[in-house]
């Protein structure tokens, strides 16, 4: 089963810098002006978050602010991401401290070795965490797909000069 929320098929897109270097950049495929997805206001942190989830909340808020895509509407998905990440971390700690074979097996009620149920909890939390991270642009491939303003200052592409020189030589 794939990760929920990915939605797109095929390989992830290349950054404009890589397209320029590989010679696959085309004027007709350049994105129009960048759309600003942030509304300038931080979402309100839900009161039900644990102490660990609050730490993750603050980290996620800082990352999304830097990416320029933080909005008041993001509260629920950020909270879900934080809860999933804490569940993943806590279940990993519990697995590593229990049972045999790295915590993958535990003693069942009948005395036989059984699969540790925490492994499936950790796997589900990991899938949820990655799904939410993709939706928020917190993975490398997701950042390539986002049409978001990363900084207010437009940076000059250092490879443009190389492309211009190559066009002159040809």
N, C-alpha and C. Protein backbone atom coordinates (compact mmCIF):
# COMPACT_ATOMS: atom_id res chain seq x y z
N UNK A 1 0.85 -1.18 0.00
CA UNK A 1 0.00 0.00 0.00
C UNK A 1 0.89 1.24 0.00
N UNK A 2 0.62 2.18 -0.87
CA UNK A 2 1.41 3.40 -0.98
C UNK A 2 1.06 4.40 0.11
N UNK A 3 1.80 5.45 0.14
CA UNK A 3 1.57 6.51 1.11
C UNK A 3 0.37 7.33 0.65
N UNK A 4 -0.57 7.53 1.57
CA UNK A 4 -1.75 8.31 1.24
C UNK A 4 -1.37 9.77 1.03
N UNK A 5 -2.09 10.43 0.15
CA UNK A 5 -1.91 11.86 0.00
C UNK A 5 -0.89 12.27 -1.03
N UNK A 6 -0.23 11.28 -1.67
CA UNK A 6 0.78 11.66 -2.64
C UNK A 6 0.14 12.16 -3.92
N UNK A 7 -0.85 11.44 -4.46
CA UNK A 7 -1.66 11.95 -5.55
C UNK A 7 -1.03 12.01 -6.91
N UNK A 8 0.24 12.32 -7.02
CA UNK A 8 0.86 12.49 -8.33
C UNK A 8 1.58 11.23 -8.74
N UNK A 9 1.58 10.96 -10.02
CA UNK A 9 2.27 9.78 -10.55
C UNK A 9 3.52 10.23 -11.27
N UNK A 10 4.43 9.29 -11.47
CA UNK A 10 5.66 9.60 -12.19
C UNK A 10 6.74 10.11 -11.28
N UNK A 11 7.90 10.34 -11.85
CA UNK A 11 9.02 10.81 -11.03
C UNK A 11 8.79 12.24 -10.56
N UNK A 12 9.40 12.60 -9.43
CA UNK A 12 9.25 13.98 -8.95
C UNK A 12 9.88 14.96 -9.92
N UNK A 13 9.35 16.17 -9.95
CA UNK A 13 9.87 17.19 -10.86
C UNK A 13 11.28 17.62 -10.50
N UNK A 14 11.98 18.14 -11.47
CA UNK A 14 13.33 18.65 -11.25
C UNK A 14 13.27 20.13 -10.88
N UNK A 15 14.26 20.56 -10.13
CA UNK A 15 14.33 21.97 -9.80
C UNK A 15 14.76 22.74 -11.04
N UNK A 16 14.46 24.03 -11.12
CA UNK A 16 14.85 24.82 -12.29
C UNK A 16 16.37 24.79 -12.53
N UNK A 17 17.15 24.72 -11.46
CA UNK A 17 18.61 24.67 -11.63
C UNK A 17 19.05 23.40 -12.35
N UNK A 18 18.46 22.26 -11.97
CA UNK A 18 18.83 21.00 -12.62
C UNK A 18 18.35 20.96 -14.06
N UNK A 19 17.20 21.54 -14.34
CA UNK A 19 16.72 21.59 -15.72
C UNK A 19 17.67 22.41 -16.59
N UNK A 20 18.18 23.49 -16.04
CA UNK A 20 19.10 24.35 -16.78
C UNK A 20 20.40 23.61 -17.08
N UNK A 21 20.94 22.91 -16.09
CA UNK A 21 22.18 22.17 -16.28
C UNK A 21 22.01 21.04 -17.28
N UNK A 22 20.91 20.30 -17.18
CA UNK A 22 20.71 19.15 -18.06
C UNK A 22 20.22 19.55 -19.45
N UNK A 23 19.88 20.81 -19.64
CA UNK A 23 19.44 21.27 -20.95
C UNK A 23 17.99 20.97 -21.26
N UNK A 24 17.20 20.68 -20.24
CA UNK A 24 15.79 20.36 -20.47
C UNK A 24 14.85 21.51 -20.10
N UNK A 25 15.42 22.68 -19.81
CA UNK A 25 14.56 23.81 -19.48
C UNK A 25 13.91 24.35 -20.75
N UNK A 26 12.66 24.75 -20.62
CA UNK A 26 11.93 25.31 -21.75
C UNK A 26 11.15 26.52 -21.28
N UNK A 27 11.15 27.55 -22.09
CA UNK A 27 10.46 28.79 -21.75
C UNK A 27 8.97 28.55 -21.56
N UNK A 28 8.38 27.66 -22.35
CA UNK A 28 6.94 27.44 -22.26
C UNK A 28 6.55 26.63 -21.02
N UNK A 29 7.52 26.09 -20.29
CA UNK A 29 7.22 25.31 -19.08
C UNK A 29 7.60 26.03 -17.79
N UNK A 30 8.10 27.24 -17.91
CA UNK A 30 8.49 28.00 -16.73
C UNK A 30 7.21 28.43 -16.01
N UNK A 31 7.22 28.27 -14.69
CA UNK A 31 6.06 28.66 -13.88
C UNK A 31 5.87 30.17 -13.96
N UNK A 32 4.62 30.61 -13.96
CA UNK A 32 4.38 32.05 -13.89
C UNK A 32 4.82 32.56 -12.52
N UNK A 33 4.51 33.78 -12.23
CA UNK A 33 4.90 34.36 -10.95
C UNK A 33 4.54 33.42 -9.80
N UNK A 34 5.39 33.40 -8.80
CA UNK A 34 5.19 32.54 -7.65
C UNK A 34 4.00 33.03 -6.83
N UNK A 35 3.17 32.09 -6.42
CA UNK A 35 1.99 32.40 -5.63
C UNK A 35 2.37 32.33 -4.15
N UNK A 36 2.02 33.32 -3.40
CA UNK A 36 2.31 33.31 -1.97
C UNK A 36 1.17 32.59 -1.26
N UNK A 37 1.51 31.53 -0.55
CA UNK A 37 0.51 30.72 0.11
C UNK A 37 0.29 31.10 1.57
N UNK A 38 1.17 31.90 2.12
CA UNK A 38 1.06 32.28 3.54
C UNK A 38 0.10 33.45 3.69
N UNK A 39 -0.57 33.50 4.84
CA UNK A 39 -1.46 34.63 5.10
C UNK A 39 -0.91 35.56 6.17
N UNK A 40 0.31 35.28 6.65
CA UNK A 40 0.96 36.15 7.61
C UNK A 40 0.58 35.92 9.06
N UNK A 41 -0.32 34.99 9.32
CA UNK A 41 -0.73 34.71 10.69
C UNK A 41 -0.42 33.26 11.05
N UNK A 42 0.08 33.07 12.27
CA UNK A 42 0.35 31.72 12.74
C UNK A 42 -0.96 31.04 13.13
N UNK A 43 -1.08 29.74 12.83
CA UNK A 43 -2.28 29.02 13.28
C UNK A 43 -2.27 28.87 14.81
N UNK A 44 -3.44 28.74 15.37
CA UNK A 44 -3.54 28.58 16.82
C UNK A 44 -3.25 27.14 17.20
N UNK A 45 -2.35 26.96 18.18
CA UNK A 45 -1.97 25.62 18.61
C UNK A 45 -3.11 25.01 19.41
N UNK A 46 -3.53 23.79 19.06
CA UNK A 46 -4.61 23.13 19.80
C UNK A 46 -4.17 22.81 21.24
N UNK A 47 -5.13 22.83 22.14
CA UNK A 47 -4.83 22.62 23.56
C UNK A 47 -4.58 21.15 23.90
N UNK A 48 -4.97 20.22 23.03
CA UNK A 48 -4.85 18.79 23.33
C UNK A 48 -3.47 18.20 23.06
N UNK A 49 -2.56 18.98 22.50
CA UNK A 49 -1.23 18.46 22.19
C UNK A 49 -0.44 18.16 23.45
N UNK A 50 0.29 17.04 23.41
CA UNK A 50 1.16 16.68 24.54
C UNK A 50 2.39 17.58 24.54
N UNK A 51 3.20 17.47 25.58
CA UNK A 51 4.42 18.28 25.67
C UNK A 51 5.35 17.99 24.50
N UNK A 52 5.50 16.71 24.13
CA UNK A 52 6.34 16.35 22.98
C UNK A 52 5.76 16.90 21.68
N UNK A 53 4.44 16.84 21.54
CA UNK A 53 3.80 17.34 20.33
C UNK A 53 3.93 18.86 20.22
N UNK A 54 3.95 19.55 21.35
CA UNK A 54 4.13 21.01 21.33
C UNK A 54 5.52 21.36 20.81
N UNK A 55 6.52 20.57 21.19
CA UNK A 55 7.88 20.79 20.68
C UNK A 55 7.89 20.60 19.16
N UNK A 56 7.23 19.55 18.69
CA UNK A 56 7.15 19.30 17.24
C UNK A 56 6.35 20.40 16.54
N UNK A 57 5.31 20.90 17.20
CA UNK A 57 4.51 22.01 16.65
C UNK A 57 5.41 23.21 16.38
N UNK A 58 6.21 23.57 17.38
CA UNK A 58 7.08 24.74 17.24
C UNK A 58 8.10 24.53 16.10
N UNK A 59 8.62 23.31 15.97
CA UNK A 59 9.56 23.01 14.88
C UNK A 59 8.86 23.13 13.52
N UNK A 60 7.66 22.56 13.41
CA UNK A 60 6.91 22.60 12.14
C UNK A 60 6.55 24.03 11.77
N UNK A 61 6.13 24.83 12.75
CA UNK A 61 5.78 26.22 12.48
C UNK A 61 7.01 26.96 11.94
N UNK A 62 8.17 26.74 12.54
CA UNK A 62 9.40 27.41 12.09
C UNK A 62 9.76 27.00 10.66
N UNK A 63 9.61 25.72 10.34
CA UNK A 63 9.92 25.24 8.99
C UNK A 63 8.96 25.86 7.97
N UNK A 64 7.67 25.83 8.27
CA UNK A 64 6.68 26.35 7.34
C UNK A 64 6.79 27.86 7.16
N UNK A 65 7.17 28.56 8.22
CA UNK A 65 7.41 30.01 8.09
C UNK A 65 8.57 30.27 7.14
N UNK A 66 9.65 29.50 7.31
CA UNK A 66 10.82 29.67 6.43
C UNK A 66 10.47 29.38 4.97
N UNK A 67 9.60 28.40 4.75
CA UNK A 67 9.18 28.08 3.39
C UNK A 67 8.20 29.12 2.84
N UNK A 68 7.63 29.92 3.72
CA UNK A 68 6.68 30.95 3.28
C UNK A 68 5.31 30.41 2.96
N UNK A 69 4.92 29.32 3.61
CA UNK A 69 3.63 28.70 3.28
C UNK A 69 2.74 28.47 4.50
N UNK A 70 3.02 29.17 5.59
CA UNK A 70 2.24 28.98 6.81
C UNK A 70 0.96 29.81 6.75
N UNK A 71 -0.15 29.19 7.13
CA UNK A 71 -1.44 29.86 7.11
C UNK A 71 -2.26 29.48 8.34
N UNK A 72 -3.20 30.33 8.71
CA UNK A 72 -4.12 30.03 9.81
C UNK A 72 -4.90 28.74 9.56
N UNK A 73 -5.12 28.41 8.30
CA UNK A 73 -5.90 27.23 7.95
C UNK A 73 -5.16 25.92 8.19
N UNK A 74 -3.89 25.99 8.55
CA UNK A 74 -3.06 24.79 8.66
C UNK A 74 -3.08 24.14 10.03
N UNK A 75 -3.82 24.65 10.97
CA UNK A 75 -3.77 24.16 12.35
C UNK A 75 -4.04 22.66 12.46
N UNK A 76 -5.07 22.17 11.84
CA UNK A 76 -5.44 20.75 11.98
C UNK A 76 -4.38 19.82 11.39
N UNK A 77 -3.88 20.15 10.20
CA UNK A 77 -2.90 19.24 9.59
C UNK A 77 -1.57 19.29 10.32
N UNK A 78 -1.19 20.45 10.84
CA UNK A 78 0.06 20.53 11.62
C UNK A 78 -0.10 19.73 12.91
N UNK A 79 -1.25 19.84 13.55
CA UNK A 79 -1.49 19.06 14.77
C UNK A 79 -1.46 17.57 14.47
N UNK A 80 -2.09 17.16 13.38
CA UNK A 80 -2.09 15.74 13.01
C UNK A 80 -0.66 15.25 12.73
N UNK A 81 0.13 16.07 12.05
CA UNK A 81 1.53 15.73 11.78
C UNK A 81 2.30 15.56 13.10
N UNK A 82 2.10 16.48 14.03
CA UNK A 82 2.82 16.44 15.32
C UNK A 82 2.44 15.21 16.13
N UNK A 83 1.16 14.89 16.18
CA UNK A 83 0.71 13.70 16.90
C UNK A 83 1.28 12.44 16.25
N UNK A 84 1.24 12.37 14.92
CA UNK A 84 1.78 11.20 14.21
C UNK A 84 3.28 11.06 14.45
N UNK A 85 4.00 12.18 14.43
CA UNK A 85 5.44 12.12 14.65
C UNK A 85 5.76 11.66 16.07
N UNK A 86 5.04 12.16 17.05
CA UNK A 86 5.26 11.75 18.44
C UNK A 86 4.89 10.28 18.64
N UNK A 87 3.83 9.83 18.02
CA UNK A 87 3.45 8.41 18.10
C UNK A 87 4.54 7.55 17.49
N UNK A 88 5.07 7.97 16.35
CA UNK A 88 6.17 7.26 15.71
C UNK A 88 7.39 7.20 16.63
N UNK A 89 7.77 8.34 17.19
CA UNK A 89 8.94 8.38 18.06
C UNK A 89 8.74 7.55 19.33
N UNK A 90 7.61 7.71 19.99
CA UNK A 90 7.35 6.98 21.24
C UNK A 90 7.25 5.48 21.01
N UNK A 91 6.59 5.06 19.95
CA UNK A 91 6.48 3.62 19.69
C UNK A 91 7.85 3.05 19.31
N UNK A 92 8.68 3.82 18.62
CA UNK A 92 10.03 3.36 18.31
C UNK A 92 10.85 3.15 19.57
N UNK A 93 10.75 4.09 20.51
CA UNK A 93 11.47 3.96 21.78
C UNK A 93 10.99 2.72 22.54
N UNK A 94 9.67 2.50 22.58
CA UNK A 94 9.12 1.35 23.28
C UNK A 94 9.52 0.04 22.62
N UNK A 95 9.55 0.00 21.28
CA UNK A 95 9.96 -1.20 20.56
C UNK A 95 11.42 -1.52 20.85
N UNK A 96 12.25 -0.49 20.82
CA UNK A 96 13.69 -0.70 21.02
C UNK A 96 14.02 -1.16 22.44
N UNK A 97 13.15 -0.90 23.39
CA UNK A 97 13.43 -1.27 24.78
C UNK A 97 12.73 -2.55 25.22
N UNK A 98 12.08 -3.25 24.29
CA UNK A 98 11.34 -4.44 24.69
C UNK A 98 11.54 -5.59 23.71
N UNK A 99 11.36 -6.79 24.22
CA UNK A 99 11.30 -7.99 23.39
C UNK A 99 12.60 -8.41 22.75
N UNK A 100 12.48 -9.38 21.87
CA UNK A 100 13.62 -9.96 21.16
C UNK A 100 13.69 -9.42 19.74
N UNK A 101 14.83 -9.64 19.12
CA UNK A 101 15.06 -9.21 17.74
C UNK A 101 14.73 -7.74 17.55
N UNK A 102 15.33 -6.93 18.40
CA UNK A 102 15.11 -5.48 18.30
C UNK A 102 13.71 -5.05 18.67
N UNK A 103 13.01 -5.86 19.46
CA UNK A 103 11.66 -5.51 19.88
C UNK A 103 10.58 -5.95 18.92
N UNK A 104 10.95 -6.67 17.88
CA UNK A 104 9.95 -7.11 16.91
C UNK A 104 9.08 -8.25 17.44
N UNK A 105 9.61 -9.03 18.38
CA UNK A 105 8.86 -10.13 18.98
C UNK A 105 8.72 -9.90 20.48
N UNK A 106 7.56 -10.26 21.00
CA UNK A 106 7.33 -10.17 22.45
C UNK A 106 6.72 -11.49 22.92
N UNK A 107 6.67 -11.67 24.24
CA UNK A 107 6.07 -12.86 24.84
C UNK A 107 4.56 -12.70 24.83
N UNK A 108 3.85 -13.61 24.19
CA UNK A 108 2.40 -13.57 24.16
C UNK A 108 1.79 -14.09 25.45
N UNK A 109 0.48 -13.98 25.61
CA UNK A 109 -0.19 -14.43 26.83
C UNK A 109 -0.12 -15.94 26.99
N UNK A 110 -0.04 -16.68 25.89
CA UNK A 110 0.05 -18.14 25.95
C UNK A 110 1.49 -18.60 26.09
N UNK A 111 2.43 -17.67 26.15
CA UNK A 111 3.83 -18.03 26.33
C UNK A 111 4.63 -18.08 25.04
N UNK A 112 3.97 -18.07 23.91
CA UNK A 112 4.68 -18.12 22.62
C UNK A 112 5.14 -16.73 22.21
N UNK A 113 6.14 -16.69 21.36
CA UNK A 113 6.61 -15.41 20.82
C UNK A 113 5.63 -14.96 19.74
N UNK A 114 5.25 -13.67 19.82
CA UNK A 114 4.33 -13.09 18.83
C UNK A 114 4.91 -11.77 18.32
N UNK A 115 4.39 -11.33 17.21
CA UNK A 115 4.81 -10.04 16.66
C UNK A 115 4.38 -8.93 17.61
N UNK A 116 5.26 -7.99 17.83
CA UNK A 116 4.98 -6.86 18.72
C UNK A 116 3.94 -5.95 18.06
N UNK A 117 2.79 -5.73 18.70
CA UNK A 117 1.76 -4.87 18.10
C UNK A 117 2.21 -3.42 17.94
N UNK A 118 3.24 -3.02 18.69
CA UNK A 118 3.76 -1.66 18.53
C UNK A 118 4.37 -1.43 17.15
N UNK A 119 4.81 -2.51 16.51
CA UNK A 119 5.41 -2.37 15.17
C UNK A 119 4.37 -1.86 14.18
N UNK A 120 3.15 -2.39 14.25
CA UNK A 120 2.10 -1.91 13.32
C UNK A 120 1.66 -0.50 13.68
N UNK A 121 1.66 -0.16 14.98
CA UNK A 121 1.33 1.21 15.40
C UNK A 121 2.38 2.16 14.85
N UNK A 122 3.66 1.79 14.98
CA UNK A 122 4.74 2.64 14.47
C UNK A 122 4.65 2.79 12.96
N UNK A 123 4.37 1.70 12.27
CA UNK A 123 4.28 1.75 10.80
C UNK A 123 3.16 2.68 10.35
N UNK A 124 2.01 2.59 10.99
CA UNK A 124 0.87 3.45 10.64
C UNK A 124 1.19 4.92 10.93
N UNK A 125 1.82 5.17 12.09
CA UNK A 125 2.18 6.54 12.44
C UNK A 125 3.22 7.09 11.46
N UNK A 126 4.16 6.25 11.03
CA UNK A 126 5.18 6.69 10.07
C UNK A 126 4.53 7.05 8.74
N UNK A 127 3.61 6.22 8.27
CA UNK A 127 2.91 6.52 7.02
C UNK A 127 2.10 7.81 7.13
N UNK A 128 1.40 7.98 8.25
CA UNK A 128 0.63 9.20 8.46
C UNK A 128 1.54 10.42 8.50
N UNK A 129 2.65 10.30 9.23
CA UNK A 129 3.59 11.42 9.37
C UNK A 129 4.13 11.85 8.01
N UNK A 130 4.54 10.88 7.20
CA UNK A 130 5.07 11.20 5.87
C UNK A 130 3.99 11.80 4.97
N UNK A 131 2.77 11.27 5.07
CA UNK A 131 1.66 11.80 4.27
C UNK A 131 1.39 13.27 4.60
N UNK A 132 1.36 13.59 5.89
CA UNK A 132 1.14 14.97 6.30
C UNK A 132 2.32 15.86 5.90
N UNK A 133 3.52 15.33 6.04
CA UNK A 133 4.72 16.10 5.67
C UNK A 133 4.69 16.43 4.18
N UNK A 134 4.27 15.49 3.35
CA UNK A 134 4.18 15.72 1.91
C UNK A 134 3.16 16.82 1.63
N UNK A 135 2.01 16.75 2.29
CA UNK A 135 0.97 17.74 2.06
C UNK A 135 1.41 19.15 2.47
N UNK A 136 2.31 19.23 3.44
CA UNK A 136 2.75 20.55 3.91
C UNK A 136 4.04 21.01 3.25
N UNK A 137 4.57 20.23 2.32
CA UNK A 137 5.80 20.64 1.64
C UNK A 137 7.05 20.43 2.47
N UNK A 138 7.03 19.46 3.37
CA UNK A 138 8.15 19.24 4.27
C UNK A 138 9.04 18.07 3.85
N UNK A 139 8.95 17.66 2.59
CA UNK A 139 9.87 16.65 2.04
C UNK A 139 10.54 17.26 0.82
N UNK A 140 11.70 16.77 0.43
CA UNK A 140 12.38 17.34 -0.74
C UNK A 140 11.53 17.31 -2.01
N UNK A 141 10.88 16.20 -2.29
CA UNK A 141 10.06 16.11 -3.50
C UNK A 141 8.85 17.05 -3.43
N UNK A 142 8.25 17.17 -2.26
CA UNK A 142 7.09 18.06 -2.11
C UNK A 142 7.49 19.51 -2.30
N UNK A 143 8.69 19.89 -1.84
CA UNK A 143 9.14 21.27 -2.02
C UNK A 143 9.35 21.59 -3.49
N UNK A 144 9.76 20.61 -4.29
CA UNK A 144 9.91 20.86 -5.72
C UNK A 144 8.57 21.13 -6.38
N UNK A 145 7.53 20.50 -5.85
CA UNK A 145 6.20 20.64 -6.45
C UNK A 145 5.46 21.88 -5.98
N UNK A 146 5.88 22.43 -4.86
CA UNK A 146 5.19 23.60 -4.33
C UNK A 146 5.49 24.83 -5.17
N UNK A 147 4.48 25.59 -5.40
CA UNK A 147 4.66 26.86 -6.09
C UNK A 147 4.53 27.94 -5.03
N UNK A 148 5.55 27.99 -4.16
CA UNK A 148 5.47 28.89 -3.01
C UNK A 148 6.64 29.85 -2.99
N UNK A 149 6.41 30.98 -2.36
CA UNK A 149 7.44 31.99 -2.24
C UNK A 149 8.35 31.62 -1.07
N UNK A 150 9.61 31.30 -1.33
CA UNK A 150 10.54 30.90 -0.29
C UNK A 150 11.19 32.12 0.33
N UNK A 151 11.48 33.12 -0.45
CA UNK A 151 12.02 34.34 0.12
C UNK A 151 11.51 35.52 -0.70
N UNK A 152 11.50 36.67 -0.09
CA UNK A 152 10.98 37.84 -0.78
C UNK A 152 11.96 38.36 -1.81
N UNK A 153 13.24 38.01 -1.69
CA UNK A 153 14.26 38.47 -2.61
C UNK A 153 14.50 37.42 -3.69
N UNK A 154 14.32 37.79 -4.94
CA UNK A 154 14.55 36.86 -6.03
C UNK A 154 16.05 36.69 -6.24
N UNK A 155 16.48 35.42 -6.19
CA UNK A 155 17.89 35.13 -6.34
C UNK A 155 18.21 34.92 -7.81
N UNK A 156 19.38 35.37 -8.20
CA UNK A 156 19.81 35.17 -9.58
C UNK A 156 20.31 33.75 -9.75
N UNK A 157 19.92 33.10 -10.80
CA UNK A 157 20.35 31.74 -11.09
C UNK A 157 21.80 31.78 -11.58
N UNK A 158 22.74 31.13 -10.87
CA UNK A 158 24.14 31.19 -11.27
C UNK A 158 24.42 30.42 -12.57
N UNK A 159 23.50 29.57 -13.00
CA UNK A 159 23.73 28.77 -14.19
C UNK A 159 23.23 29.46 -15.46
N UNK A 160 22.54 30.55 -15.33
CA UNK A 160 22.05 31.28 -16.51
C UNK A 160 23.21 31.74 -17.38
N UNK A 161 24.28 32.20 -16.75
CA UNK A 161 25.45 32.66 -17.52
C UNK A 161 26.05 31.51 -18.32
N UNK A 162 26.09 30.32 -17.72
CA UNK A 162 26.62 29.15 -18.44
C UNK A 162 25.75 28.81 -19.65
N UNK A 163 24.44 28.90 -19.47
CA UNK A 163 23.52 28.60 -20.58
C UNK A 163 23.70 29.63 -21.70
N UNK A 164 23.82 30.91 -21.32
CA UNK A 164 24.01 31.96 -22.31
C UNK A 164 25.30 31.74 -23.08
N UNK A 165 26.38 31.34 -22.39
CA UNK A 165 27.66 31.06 -23.07
C UNK A 165 27.52 29.88 -24.01
N UNK A 166 26.78 28.86 -23.61
CA UNK A 166 26.58 27.69 -24.46
C UNK A 166 25.79 28.07 -25.70
N UNK A 167 24.80 28.96 -25.56
CA UNK A 167 24.02 29.40 -26.72
C UNK A 167 24.90 30.18 -27.71
N UNK A 168 25.83 30.97 -27.19
CA UNK A 168 26.73 31.75 -28.04
C UNK A 168 27.66 30.81 -28.82
N UNK A 169 28.19 29.80 -28.14
CA UNK A 169 29.12 28.85 -28.79
C UNK A 169 28.44 28.08 -29.89
N UNK A 170 27.19 27.73 -29.71
CA UNK A 170 26.49 26.94 -30.72
C UNK A 170 26.15 27.85 -31.87
